[in-house]
Amino acid sequence: MSTEDPGSPGSPGDLDDCQDVESPVPPAESPPPAHDRGSTRSKLRAALDAVGHPFGFGFVLTLGGLAAILLGAALTSLSTVLVYIVLALFLALALDPAVRALERRGLARPWGITITLLTFLLAIAGVLWLIVPTVVRQVAHFVQGIPGMVDDFMDSTFFARLESSFGEGLSTLTTQIEGFLTDPNSLATIGGGAVQAGVGIANGLSGALIILVLALYFLASLRSMKRALYRLAPARHRPGVEDLTEEITQSVGAYLAGMAVLALFNAVVVFILHLVLGLAFPALMAVTAFCITIIPLVGTVLFWVIGSFFAVFVDPVSALVFAIAYLVYMQVEAYLLTPRVMSRAISIPGALVVIGALVGGTLLGLIGALIAIPVTAAVLLIIRRVVVPRQDAKT
């Protein structure tokens, strides 16, 4: 008769206990592929080699820094050329709507470009022929008549009221300004500045000629440039890229042309108001109005302050009438003219217009303020047409 020890290894109870104690063995992970291990080792070895050779790592890093500095210096040297190219491109986009309108009437594009460019040049020549001689005479008359204008202003009742309010300091300040303007040394300084201004005008004329020639080439090859841009996109995205590019170029062109038309309206209104009210230098103030009011949103307000300030020296009552009349025109322009002229351009929130004008003006001055608004419109259109639909499609 045999007896089995429950504690012996062969007993069933021991097997049950072992089964209860043992934990399940996790499945073995498959080893990474050989090529992944090799690439990881090569990357790790390259990193260790770079750290292990600090001289070589520093040399490569220095070469990269020098290349970046040289690239920045080259872009700085070419900044004027880049500005010319950007301005010519924007001018071509501004003239392209007129060319398209002539094409819709059955005219070939080369003839449309020729007619549009000739009309643009004739308009500029006509404005210069009508305004420049008058402006030159009025500027000379303005410089010569400054002492008399100051004396008349000091003899007016308006100045007497100011003097009674602010005391003798106002009279002293006016006398110092008149002495500075009539001092020969000051005139010599102003003359030197005039020479520099003449050099700047000559450089501006040469730059304008370069921009005009580039704009002609861009206008003639605008379609081929667009087709080349479309080829850079993948084939499945080309229809969308083409639609977006066409919308951006048409909107930018309409915006630039509309700003020029609105600035021309401002100049005409200022010229008429100066003639009717008998204010001085109507042609000069009209040109000034065109140059200032072409700045979006803030240009009309800025000229309203400038024009009213200079009108005070002629006649305070006429200056008040001018300020009220031009303020009324600003409302008419904002609510009637701008919606009609800018009907084909993309609408931009006022805050973005101000921010874009400030950023562009800080970077590139007046030219930057003019370019920043169409660029803002293009970026806003890309966000609306590309970024927002992609975000809406995500769940």
Protein backbone atom coordinates (compact mmCIF):
# COMPACT_ATOMS: atom_id res chain seq x y z
CA MET A 1 0.00 0.00 0.00
CA SER A 2 1.64 3.15 -1.18
CA THR A 3 1.09 6.65 0.17
CA GLU A 4 1.89 9.84 -1.68
CA ASP A 5 3.11 12.88 0.10
CA PRO A 6 0.99 15.88 -0.82
CA GLY A 7 4.09 18.03 -0.69
CA SER A 8 6.03 15.97 -3.16
CA PRO A 9 6.68 17.49 -6.59
CA GLY A 10 4.59 14.92 -8.41
CA SER A 11 1.42 15.40 -6.45
CA PRO A 12 -1.69 16.98 -8.01
CA GLY A 13 -1.98 19.44 -5.17
CA ASP A 14 1.48 20.75 -5.94
CA LEU A 15 0.51 21.22 -9.55
CA ASP A 16 -2.58 23.17 -8.56
CA ASP A 17 -0.53 25.32 -6.24
CA CYS A 18 1.99 25.99 -8.94
CA GLN A 19 -0.74 26.94 -11.33
CA ASP A 20 -2.18 29.36 -8.79
CA VAL A 21 1.17 30.98 -8.02
CA GLU A 22 2.55 31.35 -11.50
CA SER A 23 1.78 34.65 -13.31
CA PRO A 24 1.11 34.76 -17.06
CA VAL A 25 4.22 35.36 -19.12
CA PRO A 26 3.92 38.46 -21.38
CA PRO A 27 4.40 37.83 -25.06
CA ALA A 28 7.87 38.58 -26.35
CA GLU A 29 8.18 41.82 -28.33
CA SER A 30 9.34 41.50 -31.88
CA PRO A 31 12.80 43.00 -32.44
CA PRO A 32 13.01 46.17 -34.54
CA PRO A 33 13.94 45.72 -38.17
CA ALA A 34 17.60 45.60 -39.00
CA HIS A 35 17.55 48.75 -41.17
CA ASP A 36 15.89 50.78 -38.32
CA ARG A 37 18.57 49.64 -35.90
CA GLY A 38 21.23 50.55 -38.41
CA SER A 39 19.85 54.03 -39.06
CA THR A 40 19.47 54.69 -35.33
CA ARG A 41 23.05 53.58 -34.69
CA SER A 42 24.34 55.75 -37.55
CA LYS A 43 22.49 58.81 -36.22
CA LEU A 44 23.74 58.17 -32.71
CA ARG A 45 27.28 57.65 -33.98
CA ALA A 46 27.11 60.91 -35.99
CA ALA A 47 25.88 62.81 -32.93
CA LEU A 48 28.65 61.32 -30.77
CA ASP A 49 31.23 62.16 -33.42
CA ALA A 50 30.02 65.76 -33.56
CA VAL A 51 30.13 66.11 -29.78
CA GLY A 52 33.45 64.33 -29.68
CA HIS A 53 34.99 66.79 -32.14
CA PRO A 54 34.03 70.27 -30.82
CA PHE A 55 36.39 72.01 -33.23
CA GLY A 56 34.64 70.58 -36.28
CA PHE A 57 31.20 71.22 -34.80
CA GLY A 58 32.10 74.84 -34.03
CA PHE A 59 33.59 75.32 -37.49
CA VAL A 60 30.42 74.09 -39.20
CA LEU A 61 28.27 76.23 -36.91
CA THR A 62 30.39 79.30 -37.66
CA LEU A 63 30.13 78.70 -41.40
CA GLY A 64 26.35 78.54 -41.08
CA GLY A 65 26.29 81.82 -39.13
CA LEU A 66 28.53 83.52 -41.70
CA ALA A 67 26.33 82.30 -44.54
CA ALA A 68 23.27 83.76 -42.79
CA ILE A 69 25.06 87.09 -42.25
CA LEU A 70 26.15 87.24 -45.90
CA LEU A 71 22.61 86.44 -47.04
CA GLY A 72 21.21 89.20 -44.83
CA ALA A 73 23.80 91.69 -46.14
CA ALA A 74 22.96 90.75 -49.73
CA LEU A 75 19.24 91.25 -49.09
CA THR A 76 19.98 94.61 -47.47
CA SER A 77 22.02 95.70 -50.49
CA LEU A 78 19.25 94.56 -52.80
CA SER A 79 16.47 96.17 -50.75
CA THR A 80 15.98 99.00 -53.26
CA VAL A 81 15.77 96.56 -56.17
CA LEU A 82 13.31 94.38 -54.25
CA VAL A 83 11.16 97.43 -53.51
CA TYR A 84 11.18 98.34 -57.21
CA ILE A 85 10.10 94.81 -58.12
CA VAL A 86 7.28 94.77 -55.57
CA LEU A 87 6.02 98.21 -56.63
CA ALA A 88 6.14 97.23 -60.31
CA LEU A 89 4.19 94.07 -59.56
CA PHE A 90 1.53 96.01 -57.67
CA LEU A 91 1.33 98.58 -60.48
CA ALA A 92 0.84 95.76 -62.99
CA LEU A 93 -1.94 94.31 -60.83
CA ALA A 94 -3.55 97.76 -60.61
CA LEU A 95 -3.52 98.18 -64.41
CA ASP A 96 -4.61 94.61 -65.14
CA PRO A 97 -8.36 95.26 -64.52
CA ALA A 98 -8.36 97.89 -67.28
CA VAL A 99 -6.63 95.46 -69.65
CA ARG A 100 -9.19 92.78 -68.79
CA ALA A 101 -12.02 95.23 -69.51
CA LEU A 102 -10.57 95.94 -72.95
CA GLU A 103 -10.20 92.21 -73.58
CA ARG A 104 -13.87 91.67 -72.76
CA ARG A 105 -14.70 94.19 -75.47
CA GLY A 106 -12.94 92.01 -78.04
CA LEU A 107 -9.52 93.70 -78.06
CA ALA A 108 -6.36 91.59 -78.10
CA ARG A 109 -4.32 91.65 -74.89
CA PRO A 110 -1.19 93.29 -76.47
CA TRP A 111 -3.32 96.13 -77.77
CA GLY A 112 -5.12 96.37 -74.45
CA ILE A 113 -1.78 96.65 -72.63
CA THR A 114 -0.58 99.32 -75.07
CA ILE A 115 -3.75 101.41 -74.75
CA THR A 116 -3.84 101.10 -70.97
CA LEU A 117 -0.19 102.03 -70.56
CA LEU A 118 -0.43 104.96 -72.97
CA THR A 119 -3.53 106.24 -71.18
CA PHE A 120 -1.75 105.94 -67.85
CA LEU A 121 1.30 107.82 -69.12
CA LEU A 122 -0.82 110.54 -70.74
CA ALA A 123 -2.77 111.00 -67.52
CA ILE A 124 0.45 111.36 -65.51
CA ALA A 125 1.92 113.75 -68.09
CA GLY A 126 -1.26 115.83 -68.13
CA VAL A 127 -1.36 116.09 -64.36
CA LEU A 128 2.29 117.06 -64.23
CA TRP A 129 1.89 119.62 -67.01
CA LEU A 130 -1.10 121.21 -65.31
CA ILE A 131 0.07 121.08 -61.73
CA VAL A 132 3.88 121.13 -61.52
CA PRO A 133 4.42 124.69 -62.88
CA THR A 134 1.64 125.99 -60.66
CA VAL A 135 2.96 124.10 -57.66
CA VAL A 136 6.49 125.43 -58.22
CA ARG A 137 5.20 129.01 -58.42
CA GLN A 138 3.02 128.56 -55.38
CA VAL A 139 5.83 127.01 -53.34
CA ALA A 140 8.12 129.94 -54.22
CA HIS A 141 5.34 132.40 -53.41
CA PHE A 142 4.66 130.53 -50.16
CA VAL A 143 8.31 130.76 -49.05
CA GLN A 144 8.47 134.45 -49.95
CA GLY A 145 5.17 135.23 -48.27
CA ILE A 146 5.86 133.49 -44.96
CA PRO A 147 6.88 136.70 -43.11
CA GLY A 148 3.80 138.56 -44.37
CA MET A 149 1.53 135.64 -43.45
CA VAL A 150 3.01 135.56 -39.95
CA ASP A 151 2.54 139.33 -39.57
CA ASP A 152 -1.06 139.16 -40.78
CA PHE A 153 -1.71 136.30 -38.41
CA MET A 154 -0.25 138.27 -35.49
CA ASP A 155 -2.46 141.27 -36.36
CA SER A 156 -5.65 139.21 -36.54
CA THR A 157 -8.28 139.09 -33.80
CA PHE A 158 -7.85 135.32 -33.59
CA PHE A 159 -4.21 135.76 -32.56
CA ALA A 160 -5.25 138.43 -30.03
CA ARG A 161 -7.60 135.94 -28.42
CA LEU A 162 -4.88 133.31 -28.31
CA GLU A 163 -2.42 135.79 -26.84
CA SER A 164 -4.91 136.81 -24.17
CA SER A 165 -5.35 133.14 -23.30
CA PHE A 166 -1.70 131.99 -23.39
CA GLY A 167 0.13 135.22 -22.54
CA GLU A 168 3.25 136.83 -24.06
CA GLY A 169 4.93 133.49 -24.76
CA LEU A 170 2.90 132.98 -27.91
CA SER A 171 4.08 136.29 -29.40
CA THR A 172 7.69 135.47 -28.54
CA LEU A 173 7.40 132.04 -30.18
CA THR A 174 5.92 133.53 -33.36
CA THR A 175 8.70 136.13 -33.53
CA GLN A 176 11.36 133.42 -33.15
CA ILE A 177 9.79 131.38 -35.96
CA GLU A 178 9.74 134.42 -38.25
CA GLY A 179 13.37 135.22 -37.37
CA PHE A 180 14.43 131.67 -38.18
CA LEU A 181 12.69 131.76 -41.55
CA THR A 182 14.25 135.11 -42.51
CA ASP A 183 17.76 134.41 -41.20
CA PRO A 184 20.36 134.00 -44.03
CA ASN A 185 22.00 131.09 -42.22
CA SER A 186 18.66 129.35 -42.02
CA LEU A 187 18.07 130.05 -45.70
CA ALA A 188 21.47 128.50 -46.48
CA THR A 189 20.54 125.45 -44.45
CA ILE A 190 17.21 125.25 -46.25
CA GLY A 191 19.04 125.68 -49.57
CA GLY A 192 21.33 122.76 -48.77
CA GLY A 193 18.28 120.73 -47.93
CA ALA A 194 16.76 121.82 -51.23
CA VAL A 195 19.82 120.50 -53.08
CA GLN A 196 19.47 117.19 -51.30
CA ALA A 197 15.77 117.22 -52.11
CA GLY A 198 16.66 117.80 -55.76
CA VAL A 199 18.97 114.79 -55.71
CA GLY A 200 16.22 112.76 -54.08
CA ILE A 201 13.76 113.87 -56.77
CA ALA A 202 16.20 112.81 -59.50
CA ASN A 203 16.64 109.41 -57.86
CA GLY A 204 12.88 109.14 -57.52
CA LEU A 205 12.37 109.87 -61.22
CA SER A 206 14.91 107.23 -62.22
CA GLY A 207 13.27 104.76 -59.86
CA ALA A 208 9.87 105.60 -61.31
CA LEU A 209 11.18 104.89 -64.82
CA ILE A 210 12.56 101.52 -63.69
CA ILE A 211 9.26 100.64 -61.99
CA LEU A 212 7.33 101.62 -65.11
CA VAL A 213 9.46 99.41 -67.37
CA LEU A 214 9.21 96.47 -64.96
CA ALA A 215 5.46 96.96 -64.68
CA LEU A 216 5.20 96.79 -68.47
CA TYR A 217 7.04 93.46 -68.53
CA PHE A 218 4.98 92.11 -65.61
CA LEU A 219 1.73 93.21 -67.24
CA ALA A 220 2.68 91.54 -70.52
CA SER A 221 3.74 88.27 -68.86
CA LEU A 222 1.25 88.17 -66.00
CA ARG A 223 -0.60 85.13 -67.31
CA SER A 224 2.57 83.14 -67.96
CA MET A 225 3.82 84.04 -64.47
CA LYS A 226 0.58 82.72 -62.99
CA ARG A 227 0.80 79.49 -65.01
CA ALA A 228 4.37 78.95 -63.81
CA LEU A 229 3.18 79.47 -60.23
CA TYR A 230 0.40 76.93 -60.71
CA ARG A 231 2.90 74.32 -61.92
CA LEU A 232 4.68 74.50 -58.57
CA ALA A 233 1.61 73.11 -56.80
CA PRO A 234 0.67 69.40 -56.87
CA ALA A 235 -1.63 68.44 -59.72
CA ARG A 236 -4.58 67.66 -57.43
CA HIS A 237 -4.36 71.11 -55.80
CA ARG A 238 -3.83 73.19 -58.95
CA PRO A 239 -7.51 74.09 -59.57
CA GLY A 240 -7.84 75.42 -56.03
CA VAL A 241 -4.54 77.29 -56.24
CA GLU A 242 -5.58 78.81 -59.57
CA ASP A 243 -8.93 80.01 -58.21
CA LEU A 244 -7.30 81.47 -55.09
CA THR A 245 -4.55 83.22 -57.06
CA GLU A 246 -7.02 84.73 -59.51
CA GLU A 247 -9.18 86.00 -56.67
CA ILE A 248 -6.19 87.50 -54.87
CA THR A 249 -4.81 89.26 -57.95
CA GLN A 250 -8.19 90.64 -58.97
CA SER A 251 -8.91 91.83 -55.44
CA VAL A 252 -5.49 93.47 -55.06
CA GLY A 253 -5.76 95.15 -58.46
CA ALA A 254 -9.25 96.44 -57.68
CA TYR A 255 -8.07 97.71 -54.30
CA LEU A 256 -5.10 99.63 -55.70
CA ALA A 257 -7.12 101.13 -58.53
CA GLY A 258 -9.88 102.06 -56.10
CA MET A 259 -7.45 103.82 -53.74
CA ALA A 260 -6.09 105.86 -56.65
CA VAL A 261 -9.63 106.86 -57.70
CA LEU A 262 -10.58 107.87 -54.15
CA ALA A 263 -7.37 109.89 -53.78
CA LEU A 264 -8.19 111.66 -57.07
CA PHE A 265 -11.66 112.51 -55.74
CA ASN A 266 -10.05 113.95 -52.62
CA ALA A 267 -7.69 116.10 -54.67
CA VAL A 268 -10.52 117.46 -56.83
CA VAL A 269 -12.65 118.30 -53.78
CA VAL A 270 -9.74 120.04 -52.04
CA PHE A 271 -8.94 122.05 -55.18
CA ILE A 272 -12.57 123.19 -55.55
CA LEU A 273 -12.88 124.09 -51.86
CA HIS A 274 -9.71 126.19 -51.97
CA LEU A 275 -10.90 128.04 -55.05
CA VAL A 276 -14.39 128.70 -53.65
CA LEU A 277 -13.21 129.76 -50.20
CA GLY A 278 -10.31 131.82 -51.53
CA LEU A 279 -7.67 129.82 -49.66
CA ALA A 280 -4.04 129.97 -50.72
CA PHE A 281 -2.24 127.45 -52.93
CA PRO A 282 -5.14 125.32 -54.26
CA ALA A 283 -2.98 123.29 -56.68
CA LEU A 284 -0.31 122.61 -54.05
CA MET A 285 -2.89 121.50 -51.49
CA ALA A 286 -4.62 119.32 -54.09
CA VAL A 287 -1.36 117.49 -54.86
CA THR A 288 -0.71 117.15 -51.13
CA ALA A 289 -4.21 115.76 -50.66
CA PHE A 290 -3.68 113.15 -53.38
CA CYS A 291 -0.36 112.01 -51.89
CA ILE A 292 -1.71 111.79 -48.33
CA THR A 293 -5.22 110.44 -48.90
CA ILE A 294 -3.90 107.53 -50.93
CA ILE A 295 -2.94 106.08 -47.54
CA PRO A 296 -5.94 103.91 -46.63
CA LEU A 297 -8.26 104.89 -43.79
CA VAL A 298 -5.96 107.36 -42.00
CA GLY A 299 -5.02 109.49 -45.01
CA THR A 300 -8.22 111.54 -45.16
CA VAL A 301 -8.18 112.25 -41.43
CA LEU A 302 -4.52 113.25 -41.60
CA PHE A 303 -5.09 115.66 -44.48
CA TRP A 304 -8.17 117.10 -42.76
CA VAL A 305 -5.93 118.16 -39.87
CA ILE A 306 -3.14 119.43 -42.15
CA GLY A 307 -5.41 121.31 -44.53
CA SER A 308 -7.38 122.96 -41.71
CA PHE A 309 -4.16 123.97 -39.95
CA PHE A 310 -2.69 125.73 -42.99
CA ALA A 311 -6.03 127.36 -43.81
CA VAL A 312 -6.05 129.05 -40.39
CA PHE A 313 -3.10 131.24 -41.43
CA VAL A 314 -5.13 132.64 -44.35
CA ASP A 315 -8.55 133.14 -42.78
CA PRO A 316 -9.84 131.46 -39.59
CA VAL A 317 -13.46 131.63 -40.78
CA SER A 318 -12.60 130.08 -44.14
CA ALA A 319 -10.55 127.47 -42.31
CA LEU A 320 -13.58 126.56 -40.20
CA VAL A 321 -15.78 126.31 -43.31
CA PHE A 322 -13.13 124.16 -45.02
CA ALA A 323 -12.90 121.84 -42.00
CA ILE A 324 -16.68 121.37 -41.89
CA ALA A 325 -17.03 120.90 -45.67
CA TYR A 326 -14.17 118.40 -45.86
CA LEU A 327 -15.58 116.53 -42.86
CA VAL A 328 -18.88 116.22 -44.72
CA TYR A 329 -17.01 114.92 -47.79
CA MET A 330 -15.27 112.34 -45.59
CA GLN A 331 -18.67 110.96 -44.60
CA VAL A 332 -19.83 110.91 -48.23
CA GLU A 333 -16.65 109.08 -49.23
CA ALA A 334 -16.96 106.56 -46.41
CA TYR A 335 -20.61 105.66 -46.98
CA LEU A 336 -21.19 106.29 -50.70
CA LEU A 337 -17.98 106.40 -52.75
CA THR A 338 -15.89 103.74 -51.02
CA PRO A 339 -18.54 100.95 -51.19
CA ARG A 340 -19.05 101.60 -54.91
CA VAL A 341 -15.38 101.95 -55.83
CA MET A 342 -14.26 99.04 -53.65
CA SER A 343 -17.10 96.70 -54.61
CA ARG A 344 -14.71 94.21 -56.27
CA ALA A 345 -12.04 94.37 -53.58
CA ILE A 346 -11.98 92.20 -50.49
CA SER A 347 -13.36 93.87 -47.39
CA ILE A 348 -10.81 94.33 -44.61
CA PRO A 349 -11.70 95.14 -40.99
CA GLY A 350 -10.73 98.65 -39.96
CA ALA A 351 -8.43 97.43 -37.18
CA LEU A 352 -6.43 95.31 -39.64
CA VAL A 353 -6.17 98.28 -42.01
CA VAL A 354 -4.70 100.47 -39.26
CA ILE A 355 -2.34 97.74 -38.05
CA GLY A 356 -1.20 96.94 -41.59
CA ALA A 357 -0.62 100.62 -42.39
CA LEU A 358 1.38 101.11 -39.18
CA VAL A 359 3.53 98.02 -39.76
CA GLY A 360 4.15 98.82 -43.43
CA GLY A 361 4.88 102.47 -42.68
CA THR A 362 7.34 101.54 -39.94
CA LEU A 363 9.20 99.13 -42.22
CA LEU A 364 9.16 100.95 -45.58
CA GLY A 365 7.62 104.38 -44.97
CA LEU A 366 4.84 105.61 -47.26
CA ILE A 367 5.46 102.83 -49.79
CA GLY A 368 5.18 100.23 -47.05
CA ALA A 369 1.88 101.73 -45.87
CA LEU A 370 0.49 101.48 -49.41
CA ILE A 371 1.68 97.91 -49.97
CA ALA A 372 0.72 96.60 -46.54
CA ILE A 373 -3.03 96.86 -47.14
CA PRO A 374 -3.15 94.66 -50.30
CA VAL A 375 -0.82 92.19 -48.59
CA THR A 376 -3.15 92.12 -45.60
CA ALA A 377 -6.08 91.53 -47.96
CA ALA A 378 -4.26 88.62 -49.62
CA VAL A 379 -3.36 87.02 -46.28
CA LEU A 380 -6.93 87.45 -45.04
CA LEU A 381 -8.28 85.84 -48.20
CA ILE A 382 -5.91 82.86 -47.82
CA ILE A 383 -7.05 82.42 -44.22
CA ARG A 384 -10.70 82.50 -45.25
CA ARG A 385 -10.33 80.19 -48.25
CA VAL A 386 -7.70 77.71 -47.01
CA VAL A 387 -7.11 77.75 -43.27
CA VAL A 388 -10.70 78.12 -42.03
CA PRO A 389 -12.17 75.36 -44.30
CA ARG A 390 -9.43 72.95 -43.17
CA GLN A 391 -10.19 73.65 -39.53
CA ASP A 392 -13.92 73.28 -40.14
CA ALA A 393 -13.34 69.90 -41.81
CA LYS A 394 -11.59 68.53 -38.72
CA THR A 395 -13.78 66.68 -36.23
